[in-house]
Every structure is written in C-alpha cells, then in structure tokens.
Amino acid sequence: MEYVMAELLLKARDGKYAIPAICVSNMESVLACFIAADRADSPIIIQSAYSEMEPQMIGCRELAGMIRVLGEKYPKVPYAIHLDHGMSERECMDALDGTFPSVMFDGSSLLFEENMEITKRLKKAAGEKRTVEAEVGKVGGEEGGSPGGEYHIVKSDPAQLETFVRNTGVDAIAVSIGNIHGCHGVEKQIPELDFGLLERLRDACDIPLVLHGASGIPDGDIHTAVSLGICKINYYTQLYNVYMECVKQYSDCTMEECMGNATKVLADEIEKLIRVCGSADKA
C-alpha cells in the first residue's frame, strides 16, 4: 500500500527504527524492494534520482507507474515513492508533476539562505499531502550527478538546522555528521560518525532525520544512529556492487536467467539492510 513518505517516517521516529531508502531505476531493482519488504514484513522507501533514471531512458512518471503496478502484487507492503537528490528547483517540480509524492531538494552546494528559500517554495508547492526532504550542511562524496571523487564534508550546524526547519516547514532533513556518499568509480571511505553532533541535531528540531551514504557503515554505527533519531537511511553503492557482481557471474546465461538471479541477490541484500535498520516486522 502506498503512503506519503512523511507518514512512514513519523511512524519510524515514534517506533525508534529507521526505514531503508533504496535507489532504483528498473524493474529488477523495484521488484527486489518489494520481495525483500514482503519477506521481512517491513515498510520500504523506493527512490531514484535523475542521474539514475536518465541512463535507463526512463522518467519519473514511468518509474512511478512501474512501482505502483508492482506494488499491487504486494498489497501488504507499506511503501513510499521518493525523488533522491533533486539538484534544482525545476527537477523537484518536474518530479512532483510526474506523480512523485515526495522529493528531496539537494541545496547543499548553495548558500544557506538560498537553500532555505528554495526549500520553502518547494514545500509550499508540495503542500501538506506531499513530502519534502532537504539537506543542511553537506554530506561528502559523489551523488546526484555532482563531480566525483572529492569528499568536502560540511557538518550540519544545530543552530542552522533549527532556523532552516522553522522557516521552511520541511518534512525531513538529511544531516551531515561525517557520512560520505559513494558510487562506482569512487573508493568508499569508512566514515567516522559524530554521534554527539547527531544528538544535538535531533534536539534542535522535531522532524525525522535522514542519513545519506550509508553503504559500508558498520552495523553497530547504524544501530547507534537510529537510536539517536535517524529515521531514513539511504543505500545505493552497497546494492550496486552486489547486483553487478551477480550480473558478471551469470553473464554467460540467458538474459532472463542473469537478471532473475540478480533480482534475487539484490532482494537478499535489501532484506539484510531492513533488519539492520530495525524495520522488520513494522509493516
């Protein structure tokens, strides 16, 4: 059953667990999300960025339609559709127009005031029935089509976070506490998460907090982050690596056998992440 993302995140916050947000761009990755969530009796956030959709020659409307059609096969799975890393106001508006009920505006490269002003306009356009996520500070690494290979972490400031949330009405906020994005072609560093800062950020606002760049973070650190208020955890690199290794392993098989096996392996990995985040049996 489809939910607005804010609804799922508020339940996660109250229940003291996090929901994995899985980056998808094709039928296999979408199907793997539903298989894993169904097996684990978990909610799931199914998300994509333009940088992931465009190479697959698919747009928001088509991807959202695919998710909803496959969701009919798994009626007990609570899911939300989300745009990850909209890099401009126009991208986010196009996603809202393309039936995505939730968007993340990544204004982390902008001046604080400009980031705040665009986020405020997007939240006004989205209204109360759609979700807007934003970012205060700058998570390191490569994401959303940004130039790769450099980390440039700017940790979130609790005072800025309080001002940002108060002035924008945003529904969820991605925080920078030492976490690092990673993707193929970039050697992922194991980050040192600043849990003291995370605690201060949680206390500075009353909305769900989001952790980007979670691939490769030790399970114990994920558990600690969730206990300190993280409600949504984004995964891509870890799943990309598992998926591509399987494709290489079965490259001599038929296309159907190769992609079928990759879907199964991806579903197994997503189920592991569900259990790490603590959302199993929370559907």
C-alpha atoms as a PDB file:
ATOM      1  CA  MET A   1       0.000   0.000   0.000  1.00  0.00           C
ATOM      2  CA  GLU A   2       1.366   3.392  -0.966  1.00  0.00           C
ATOM      3  CA  TYR A   3       1.929   6.022   1.729  1.00  0.00           C
ATOM      4  CA  VAL A   4       3.228   9.569   1.741  1.00  0.00           C
ATOM      5  CA  MET A   5       6.827   9.298   2.933  1.00  0.00           C
ATOM      6  CA  ALA A   6       6.302  11.658   5.883  1.00  0.00           C
ATOM      7  CA  GLU A   7       3.701   9.257   7.308  1.00  0.00           C
ATOM      8  CA  LEU A   8       6.145   6.348   7.258  1.00  0.00           C
ATOM      9  CA  LEU A   9       8.941   8.442   8.754  1.00  0.00           C
ATOM     10  CA  LEU A  10       6.822   9.696  11.646  1.00  0.00           C
ATOM     11  CA  LYS A  11       5.874   6.099  12.459  1.00  0.00           C
ATOM     12  CA  ALA A  12       9.553   5.153  12.343  1.00  0.00           C
ATOM     13  CA  ARG A  13      10.500   8.030  14.635  1.00  0.00           C
ATOM     14  CA  ASP A  14       7.836   7.078  17.164  1.00  0.00           C
ATOM     15  CA  GLY A  15       8.774   3.395  16.904  1.00  0.00           C
ATOM     16  CA  LYS A  16      12.531   4.105  17.181  1.00  0.00           C
ATOM     17  CA  TYR A  17      13.522   2.360  13.953  1.00  0.00           C
ATOM     18  CA  ALA A  18      14.661   3.524  10.519  1.00  0.00           C
ATOM     19  CA  ILE A  19      13.382   2.652   7.051  1.00  0.00           C
ATOM     20  CA  PRO A  20      15.861   1.815   4.294  1.00  0.00           C
ATOM     21  CA  ALA A  21      15.510   4.052   1.221  1.00  0.00           C
ATOM     22  CA  ILE A  22      16.611   2.034  -1.798  1.00  0.00           C
ATOM     23  CA  CYS A  23      17.729   3.628  -5.059  1.00  0.00           C
ATOM     24  CA  VAL A  24      16.084   2.029  -8.107  1.00  0.00           C
ATOM     25  CA  SER A  25      15.888   2.654 -11.841  1.00  0.00           C
ATOM     26  CA  ASN A  26      14.492  -0.501 -13.451  1.00  0.00           C
ATOM     27  CA  MET A  27      12.010  -3.321 -12.958  1.00  0.00           C
ATOM     28  CA  GLU A  28      14.527  -5.652 -11.305  1.00  0.00           C
ATOM     29  CA  SER A  29      15.521  -3.200  -8.595  1.00  0.00           C
ATOM     30  CA  VAL A  30      11.911  -2.205  -7.889  1.00  0.00           C
ATOM     31  CA  LEU A  31      10.833  -5.842  -7.685  1.00  0.00           C
ATOM     32  CA  ALA A  32      13.718  -6.644  -5.324  1.00  0.00           C
ATOM     33  CA  CYS A  33      12.496  -3.919  -2.945  1.00  0.00           C
ATOM     34  CA  PHE A  34       9.022  -5.429  -2.757  1.00  0.00           C
ATOM     35  CA  ILE A  35      10.288  -9.020  -2.409  1.00  0.00           C
ATOM     36  CA  ALA A  36      12.581  -8.029   0.483  1.00  0.00           C
ATOM     37  CA  ALA A  37       9.997  -5.875   2.274  1.00  0.00           C
ATOM     38  CA  ASP A  38       7.331  -8.551   1.910  1.00  0.00           C
ATOM     39  CA  ARG A  39       9.581 -11.249   3.358  1.00  0.00           C
ATOM     40  CA  ALA A  40      10.661  -9.038   6.262  1.00  0.00           C
ATOM     41  CA  ASP A  41       7.171  -7.570   6.872  1.00  0.00           C
ATOM     42  CA  SER A  42       8.702  -4.112   6.587  1.00  0.00           C
ATOM     43  CA  PRO A  43       7.893  -0.701   5.148  1.00  0.00           C
ATOM     44  CA  ILE A  44      10.224   0.429   2.350  1.00  0.00           C
ATOM     45  CA  ILE A  45      11.100   3.717   0.645  1.00  0.00           C
ATOM     46  CA  ILE A  46      11.673   3.295  -3.094  1.00  0.00           C
ATOM     47  CA  GLN A  47      13.593   6.219  -4.522  1.00  0.00           C
ATOM     48  CA  SER A  48      15.510   7.339  -7.581  1.00  0.00           C
ATOM     49  CA  ALA A  49      17.463  10.341  -8.826  1.00  0.00           C
ATOM     50  CA  TYR A  50      17.564  11.794 -12.327  1.00  0.00           C
ATOM     51  CA  SER A  51      21.188  10.632 -12.546  1.00  0.00           C
ATOM     52  CA  GLU A  52      19.892   7.054 -12.139  1.00  0.00           C
ATOM     53  CA  MET A  53      16.783   7.293 -14.313  1.00  0.00           C
ATOM     54  CA  GLU A  54      18.338   9.040 -17.305  1.00  0.00           C
ATOM     55  CA  PRO A  55      20.838   6.267 -18.202  1.00  0.00           C
ATOM     56  CA  GLN A  56      17.887   3.834 -18.169  1.00  0.00           C
ATOM     57  CA  MET A  57      15.961   6.190 -20.505  1.00  0.00           C
ATOM     58  CA  ILE A  58      13.041   6.404 -18.071  1.00  0.00           C
ATOM     59  CA  GLY A  59      11.313   9.343 -16.405  1.00  0.00           C
ATOM     60  CA  CYS A  60       9.516   9.970 -13.133  1.00  0.00           C
ATOM     61  CA  ARG A  61       6.044   9.226 -14.442  1.00  0.00           C
ATOM     62  CA  GLU A  62       7.102   5.901 -15.968  1.00  0.00           C
ATOM     63  CA  LEU A  63       9.082   4.803 -12.908  1.00  0.00           C
ATOM     64  CA  ALA A  64       6.278   5.763 -10.524  1.00  0.00           C
ATOM     65  CA  GLY A  65       3.837   3.798 -12.669  1.00  0.00           C
ATOM     66  CA  MET A  66       6.092   0.741 -12.589  1.00  0.00           C
ATOM     67  CA  ILE A  67       6.414   0.948  -8.804  1.00  0.00           C
ATOM     68  CA  ARG A  68       2.661   1.230  -8.336  1.00  0.00           C
ATOM     69  CA  VAL A  69       1.920  -1.686 -10.681  1.00  0.00           C
ATOM     70  CA  LEU A  70       4.399  -3.959  -8.893  1.00  0.00           C
ATOM     71  CA  GLY A  71       3.075  -2.707  -5.566  1.00  0.00           C
ATOM     72  CA  GLU A  72      -0.308  -4.209  -6.434  1.00  0.00           C
ATOM     73  CA  LYS A  73       1.374  -7.634  -6.277  1.00  0.00           C
ATOM     74  CA  TYR A  74       2.456  -6.928  -2.674  1.00  0.00           C
ATOM     75  CA  PRO A  75      -0.571  -5.215  -1.077  1.00  0.00           C
ATOM     76  CA  LYS A  76       0.686  -5.715   2.489  1.00  0.00           C
ATOM     77  CA  VAL A  77       3.932  -3.792   1.929  1.00  0.00           C
ATOM     78  CA  PRO A  78       3.774  -0.127   3.044  1.00  0.00           C
ATOM     79  CA  TYR A  79       5.888   1.839   0.576  1.00  0.00           C
ATOM     80  CA  ALA A  80       6.625   5.411  -0.436  1.00  0.00           C
ATOM     81  CA  ILE A  81       7.960   6.790  -3.740  1.00  0.00           C
ATOM     82  CA  HIS A  82      10.653   9.459  -3.396  1.00  0.00           C
ATOM     83  CA  LEU A  83      12.956  11.571  -5.564  1.00  0.00           C
ATOM     84  CA  ASP A  84      16.502  11.387  -4.238  1.00  0.00           C
ATOM     85  CA  HIS A  85      18.817  14.373  -4.781  1.00  0.00           C
ATOM     86  CA  GLY A  86      16.823  16.754  -6.890  1.00  0.00           C
ATOM     87  CA  MET A  87      19.633  19.106  -7.829  1.00  0.00           C
ATOM     88  CA  SER A  88      17.433  22.073  -8.738  1.00  0.00           C
ATOM     89  CA  GLU A  89      14.030  23.522  -8.005  1.00  0.00           C
ATOM     90  CA  ARG A  90      12.988  22.613 -11.560  1.00  0.00           C
ATOM     91  CA  GLU A  91      13.964  18.949 -11.129  1.00  0.00           C
ATOM     92  CA  CYS A  92      11.910  18.701  -7.947  1.00  0.00           C
ATOM     93  CA  MET A  93       8.884  20.392  -9.530  1.00  0.00           C
ATOM     94  CA  ASP A  94       9.122  18.079 -12.554  1.00  0.00           C
ATOM     95  CA  ALA A  95       9.139  15.071 -10.217  1.00  0.00           C
ATOM     96  CA  LEU A  96       6.077  16.355  -8.344  1.00  0.00           C
ATOM     97  CA  ASP A  97       4.370  16.854 -11.716  1.00  0.00           C
ATOM     98  CA  GLY A  98       5.471  13.323 -12.648  1.00  0.00           C
ATOM     99  CA  THR A  99       3.415  11.875  -9.748  1.00  0.00           C
ATOM    100  CA  PHE A 100       6.277  11.520  -7.260  1.00  0.00           C
ATOM    101  CA  PRO A 101       4.594  12.403  -3.941  1.00  0.00           C
ATOM    102  CA  SER A 102       7.927  13.065  -2.239  1.00  0.00           C
ATOM    103  CA  VAL A 103      11.103  14.901  -3.262  1.00  0.00           C
ATOM    104  CA  MET A 104      14.498  15.715  -1.804  1.00  0.00           C
ATOM    105  CA  PHE A 105      15.950  19.080  -2.766  1.00  0.00           C
ATOM    106  CA  ASP A 106      19.736  18.988  -2.528  1.00  0.00           C
ATOM    107  CA  GLY A 107      20.728  22.599  -1.950  1.00  0.00           C
ATOM    108  CA  SER A 108      23.889  21.653  -0.089  1.00  0.00           C
ATOM    109  CA  SER A 109      26.127  23.415  -2.642  1.00  0.00           C
ATOM    110  CA  LEU A 110      24.190  26.689  -2.292  1.00  0.00           C
ATOM    111  CA  LEU A 111      24.437  29.443   0.258  1.00  0.00           C
ATOM    112  CA  PHE A 112      22.379  28.641   3.357  1.00  0.00           C
ATOM    113  CA  GLU A 113      19.821  31.396   2.677  1.00  0.00           C
ATOM    114  CA  GLU A 114      19.296  30.292  -0.944  1.00  0.00           C
ATOM    115  CA  ASN A 115      18.918  26.658   0.090  1.00  0.00           C
ATOM    116  CA  MET A 116      16.342  27.721   2.669  1.00  0.00           C
ATOM    117  CA  GLU A 117      14.380  29.930   0.264  1.00  0.00           C
ATOM    118  CA  ILE A 118      14.114  27.297  -2.497  1.00  0.00           C
ATOM    119  CA  THR A 119      13.137  24.614   0.013  1.00  0.00           C
ATOM    120  CA  LYS A 120      10.426  26.904   1.382  1.00  0.00           C
ATOM    121  CA  ARG A 121       8.999  27.421  -2.120  1.00  0.00           C
ATOM    122  CA  LEU A 122       9.071  23.697  -2.828  1.00  0.00           C
ATOM    123  CA  LYS A 123       7.265  22.874   0.408  1.00  0.00           C
ATOM    124  CA  LYS A 124       4.604  25.453  -0.415  1.00  0.00           C
ATOM    125  CA  ALA A 125       4.165  23.884  -3.858  1.00  0.00           C
ATOM    126  CA  ALA A 126       4.083  20.351  -2.449  1.00  0.00           C
ATOM    127  CA  GLY A 127       1.502  21.184   0.207  1.00  0.00           C
ATOM    128  CA  GLU A 128       0.617  19.157   3.260  1.00  0.00           C
ATOM    129  CA  LYS A 129      -0.104  15.928   1.369  1.00  0.00           C
ATOM    130  CA  ARG A 130       3.341  15.625  -0.225  1.00  0.00           C
ATOM    131  CA  THR A 131       6.767  15.329   1.413  1.00  0.00           C
ATOM    132  CA  VAL A 132       9.857  17.498   1.005  1.00  0.00           C
ATOM    133  CA  GLU A 133      13.274  16.446   2.312  1.00  0.00           C
ATOM    134  CA  ALA A 134      16.228  18.862   2.321  1.00  0.00           C
ATOM    135  CA  GLU A 135      19.851  18.915   3.444  1.00  0.00           C
ATOM    136  CA  VAL A 136      21.631  21.205   5.903  1.00  0.00           C
ATOM    137  CA  GLY A 137      25.405  21.043   5.746  1.00  0.00           C
ATOM    138  CA  LYS A 138      26.999  18.925   3.031  1.00  0.00           C
ATOM    139  CA  VAL A 139      27.380  15.153   3.015  1.00  0.00           C
ATOM    140  CA  GLY A 140      30.723  14.229   1.461  1.00  0.00           C
ATOM    141  CA  GLY A 141      31.389  12.218  -1.670  1.00  0.00           C
ATOM    142  CA  GLU A 142      29.698  11.847  -5.034  1.00  0.00           C
ATOM    143  CA  GLU A 143      25.933  11.966  -5.519  1.00  0.00           C
ATOM    144  CA  GLY A 144      23.209  13.311  -7.771  1.00  0.00           C
ATOM    145  CA  GLY A 145      25.481  13.940 -10.750  1.00  0.00           C
ATOM    146  CA  SER A 146      27.904  16.096  -8.771  1.00  0.00           C
ATOM    147  CA  PRO A 147      31.619  15.972  -9.673  1.00  0.00           C
ATOM    148  CA  GLY A 148      33.105  12.779  -8.263  1.00  0.00           C
ATOM    149  CA  GLY A 149      35.960  11.799  -6.073  1.00  0.00           C
ATOM    150  CA  GLU A 150      36.121  14.663  -3.597  1.00  0.00           C
ATOM    151  CA  TYR A 151      34.551  14.476  -0.148  1.00  0.00           C
ATOM    152  CA  HIS A 152      34.195  18.100   1.076  1.00  0.00           C
ATOM    153  CA  ILE A 153      32.188  17.306   4.211  1.00  0.00           C
ATOM    154  CA  VAL A 154      30.500  20.283   5.866  1.00  0.00           C
ATOM    155  CA  LYS A 155      28.913  19.065   9.083  1.00  0.00           C
ATOM    156  CA  SER A 156      25.388  20.212   9.882  1.00  0.00           C
ATOM    157  CA  ASP A 157      25.081  23.045  12.399  1.00  0.00           C
ATOM    158  CA  PRO A 158      22.323  22.634  15.022  1.00  0.00           C
ATOM    159  CA  ALA A 159      21.510  26.372  15.092  1.00  0.00           C
ATOM    160  CA  GLN A 160      21.244  26.500  11.298  1.00  0.00           C
ATOM    161  CA  LEU A 161      19.127  23.357  11.337  1.00  0.00           C
ATOM    162  CA  GLU A 162      16.653  24.874  13.792  1.00  0.00           C
ATOM    163  CA  THR A 163      16.383  28.041  11.681  1.00  0.00           C
ATOM    164  CA  PHE A 164      16.019  26.069   8.459  1.00  0.00           C
ATOM    165  CA  VAL A 165      13.226  23.825   9.730  1.00  0.00           C
ATOM    166  CA  ARG A 166      11.348  26.704  11.344  1.00  0.00           C
ATOM    167  CA  ASN A 167      11.434  28.833   8.191  1.00  0.00           C
ATOM    168  CA  THR A 168      10.737  26.162   5.548  1.00  0.00           C
ATOM    169  CA  GLY A 169       8.213  23.739   7.079  1.00  0.00           C
ATOM    170  CA  VAL A 170      10.256  20.909   5.555  1.00  0.00           C
ATOM    171  CA  ASP A 171       9.196  17.349   6.480  1.00  0.00           C
ATOM    172  CA  ALA A 172      12.578  15.610   6.829  1.00  0.00           C
ATOM    173  CA  ILE A 173      16.194  16.720   6.884  1.00  0.00           C
ATOM    174  CA  ALA A 174      19.369  14.987   5.702  1.00  0.00           C
ATOM    175  CA  VAL A 175      22.201  15.627   8.136  1.00  0.00           C
ATOM    176  CA  SER A 176      25.955  15.620   7.669  1.00  0.00           C
ATOM    177  CA  ILE A 177      27.730  14.010  10.604  1.00  0.00           C
ATOM    178  CA  GLY A 178      30.760  12.569   8.791  1.00  0.00           C
ATOM    179  CA  ASN A 179      28.804  10.300   6.437  1.00  0.00           C
ATOM    180  CA  ILE A 180      30.080  10.002   2.860  1.00  0.00           C
ATOM    181  CA  HIS A 181      28.327   9.258  -0.414  1.00  0.00           C
ATOM    182  CA  GLY A 182      29.967   6.720  -2.676  1.00  0.00           C
ATOM    183  CA  CYS A 183      29.336   5.169  -6.059  1.00  0.00           C
ATOM    184  CA  HIS A 184      31.102   3.088  -8.693  1.00  0.00           C
ATOM    185  CA  GLY A 185      34.469   4.567  -9.561  1.00  0.00           C
ATOM    186  CA  VAL A 186      34.910   6.097  -6.105  1.00  0.00           C
ATOM    187  CA  GLU A 187      36.735   4.299  -3.318  1.00  0.00           C
ATOM    188  CA  LYS A 188      34.333   4.494  -0.402  1.00  0.00           C
ATOM    189  CA  GLN A 189      35.908   5.566   2.872  1.00  0.00           C
ATOM    190  CA  ILE A 190      34.537   4.236   6.137  1.00  0.00           C
ATOM    191  CA  PRO A 191      33.311   7.407   7.845  1.00  0.00           C
ATOM    192  CA  GLU A 192      33.670   8.365  11.472  1.00  0.00           C
ATOM    193  CA  LEU A 193      30.186   9.433  12.507  1.00  0.00           C
ATOM    194  CA  ASP A 194      29.871  12.244  15.043  1.00  0.00           C
ATOM    195  CA  PHE A 195      27.176  10.892  17.338  1.00  0.00           C
ATOM    196  CA  GLY A 196      27.439  13.792  19.763  1.00  0.00           C
ATOM    197  CA  LEU A 197      26.561  16.143  16.900  1.00  0.00           C
ATOM    198  CA  LEU A 198      23.706  13.878  15.810  1.00  0.00           C
ATOM    199  CA  GLU A 199      22.227  14.082  19.290  1.00  0.00           C
ATOM    200  CA  ARG A 200      22.377  17.890  19.203  1.00  0.00           C
ATOM    201  CA  LEU A 201      20.804  17.961  15.737  1.00  0.00           C
ATOM    202  CA  ARG A 202      17.964  15.721  16.919  1.00  0.00           C
ATOM    203  CA  ASP A 203      17.334  18.040  19.846  1.00  0.00           C
ATOM    204  CA  ALA A 204      17.344  21.111  17.571  1.00  0.00           C
ATOM    205  CA  CYS A 205      14.278  20.067  15.572  1.00  0.00           C
ATOM    206  CA  ASP A 206      11.213  17.854  15.789  1.00  0.00           C
ATOM    207  CA  ILE A 207      11.218  16.295  12.307  1.00  0.00           C
ATOM    208  CA  PRO A 208      12.679  12.967  11.108  1.00  0.00           C
ATOM    209  CA  LEU A 209      16.394  12.922  10.336  1.00  0.00           C
ATOM    210  CA  VAL A 210      17.922  11.186   7.307  1.00  0.00           C
ATOM    211  CA  LEU A 211      21.318   9.504   6.893  1.00  0.00           C
ATOM    212  CA  HIS A 212      22.751   9.508   3.362  1.00  0.00           C
ATOM    213  CA  GLY A 213      25.733   7.477   2.202  1.00  0.00           C
ATOM    214  CA  ALA A 214      25.092   4.516   4.490  1.00  0.00           C
ATOM    215  CA  SER A 215      26.753   1.834   2.345  1.00  0.00           C
ATOM    216  CA  GLY A 216      29.710   0.381   4.209  1.00  0.00           C
ATOM    217  CA  ILE A 217      28.887   1.921   7.587  1.00  0.00           C
ATOM    218  CA  PRO A 218      29.259  -0.785  10.269  1.00  0.00           C
ATOM    219  CA  ASP A 219      26.006  -2.237  11.598  1.00  0.00           C
ATOM    220  CA  GLY A 220      26.770  -1.054  15.120  1.00  0.00           C
ATOM    221  CA  ASP A 221      27.088   2.540  13.940  1.00  0.00           C
ATOM    222  CA  ILE A 222      23.779   2.256  12.091  1.00  0.00           C
ATOM    223  CA  HIS A 223      22.120   0.991  15.278  1.00  0.00           C
ATOM    224  CA  THR A 224      23.549   3.914  17.252  1.00  0.00           C
ATOM    225  CA  ALA A 225      22.441   6.437  14.618  1.00  0.00           C
ATOM    226  CA  VAL A 226      18.904   5.026  14.698  1.00  0.00           C
ATOM    227  CA  SER A 227      18.823   5.199  18.492  1.00  0.00           C
ATOM    228  CA  LEU A 228      19.718   8.916  18.211  1.00  0.00           C
ATOM    229  CA  GLY A 229      16.930   9.840  15.816  1.00  0.00           C
ATOM    230  CA  ILE A 230      17.791   8.703  12.282  1.00  0.00           C
ATOM    231  CA  CYS A 231      14.538   7.534  10.643  1.00  0.00           C
ATOM    232  CA  LYS A 232      15.514   7.076   6.953  1.00  0.00           C
ATOM    233  CA  ILE A 233      18.738   5.529   5.694  1.00  0.00           C
ATOM    234  CA  ASN A 234      19.794   5.795   2.036  1.00  0.00           C
ATOM    235  CA  TYR A 235      21.551   2.935   0.258  1.00  0.00           C
ATOM    236  CA  TYR A 236      22.974   2.669  -3.238  1.00  0.00           C
ATOM    237  CA  THR A 237      26.662   1.703  -3.511  1.00  0.00           C
ATOM    238  CA  GLN A 238      26.405  -1.481  -1.462  1.00  0.00           C
ATOM    239  CA  LEU A 239      23.450  -2.675  -3.528  1.00  0.00           C
ATOM    240  CA  TYR A 240      25.013  -1.635  -6.845  1.00  0.00           C
ATOM    241  CA  ASN A 241      28.110  -3.701  -6.048  1.00  0.00           C
ATOM    242  CA  VAL A 242      26.128  -6.811  -5.103  1.00  0.00           C
ATOM    243  CA  TYR A 243      23.911  -6.509  -8.176  1.00  0.00           C
ATOM    244  CA  MET A 244      26.781  -6.041 -10.637  1.00  0.00           C
ATOM    245  CA  GLU A 245      28.839  -8.882  -9.180  1.00  0.00           C
ATOM    246  CA  CYS A 246      25.881 -11.191  -9.762  1.00  0.00           C
ATOM    247  CA  VAL A 247      25.390  -9.947 -13.330  1.00  0.00           C
ATOM    248  CA  LYS A 248      29.074 -10.667 -14.053  1.00  0.00           C
ATOM    249  CA  GLN A 249      28.785 -14.122 -12.504  1.00  0.00           C
ATOM    250  CA  TYR A 250      25.818 -15.068 -14.698  1.00  0.00           C
ATOM    251  CA  SER A 251      26.857 -13.178 -17.846  1.00  0.00           C
ATOM    252  CA  ASP A 252      27.090 -16.409 -19.863  1.00  0.00           C
ATOM    253  CA  CYS A 253      23.454 -17.284 -19.076  1.00  0.00           C
ATOM    254  CA  THR A 254      20.392 -16.071 -20.899  1.00  0.00           C
ATOM    255  CA  MET A 255      19.285 -12.511 -20.175  1.00  0.00           C
ATOM    256  CA  GLU A 256      16.274 -13.820 -18.240  1.00  0.00           C
ATOM    257  CA  GLU A 257      18.385 -16.129 -16.063  1.00  0.00           C
ATOM    258  CA  CYS A 258      21.015 -13.453 -15.465  1.00  0.00           C
ATOM    259  CA  MET A 259      18.576 -10.726 -14.460  1.00  0.00           C
ATOM    260  CA  GLY A 260      16.405 -13.112 -12.448  1.00  0.00           C
ATOM    261  CA  ASN A 261      19.379 -14.182 -10.361  1.00  0.00           C
ATOM    262  CA  ALA A 262      20.474 -10.566  -9.903  1.00  0.00           C
ATOM    263  CA  THR A 263      16.987  -9.655  -8.645  1.00  0.00           C
ATOM    264  CA  LYS A 264      17.103 -12.481  -6.089  1.00  0.00           C
ATOM    265  CA  VAL A 265      20.567 -11.477  -4.835  1.00  0.00           C
ATOM    266  CA  LEU A 266      19.525  -7.833  -4.614  1.00  0.00           C
ATOM    267  CA  ALA A 267      16.398  -8.759  -2.636  1.00  0.00           C
ATOM    268  CA  ASP A 268      18.516 -10.765  -0.186  1.00  0.00           C
ATOM    269  CA  GLU A 269      20.819  -7.776   0.370  1.00  0.00           C
ATOM    270  CA  ILE A 270      17.919  -5.356   0.841  1.00  0.00           C
ATOM    271  CA  GLU A 271      16.393  -7.706   3.402  1.00  0.00           C
ATOM    272  CA  LYS A 272      19.674  -7.628   5.347  1.00  0.00           C
ATOM    273  CA  LEU A 273      19.545  -3.820   5.369  1.00  0.00           C
ATOM    274  CA  ILE A 274      15.940  -3.859   6.551  1.00  0.00           C
ATOM    275  CA  ARG A 275      16.970  -5.939   9.556  1.00  0.00           C
ATOM    276  CA  VAL A 276      19.964  -3.687  10.296  1.00  0.00           C
ATOM    277  CA  CYS A 277      17.706  -0.612  10.231  1.00  0.00           C
ATOM    278  CA  GLY A 278      15.225  -2.287  12.602  1.00  0.00           C
ATOM    279  CA  SER A 279      12.150  -2.011  10.353  1.00  0.00           C
ATOM    280  CA  ALA A 280      11.466  -5.760  10.070  1.00  0.00           C
ATOM    281  CA  ASP A 281       8.020  -6.686  11.406  1.00  0.00           C
ATOM    282  CA  LYS A 282       6.985  -2.992  11.362  1.00  0.00           C
ATOM    283  CA  ALA A 283       4.661  -3.126   8.334  1.00  0.00           C
END
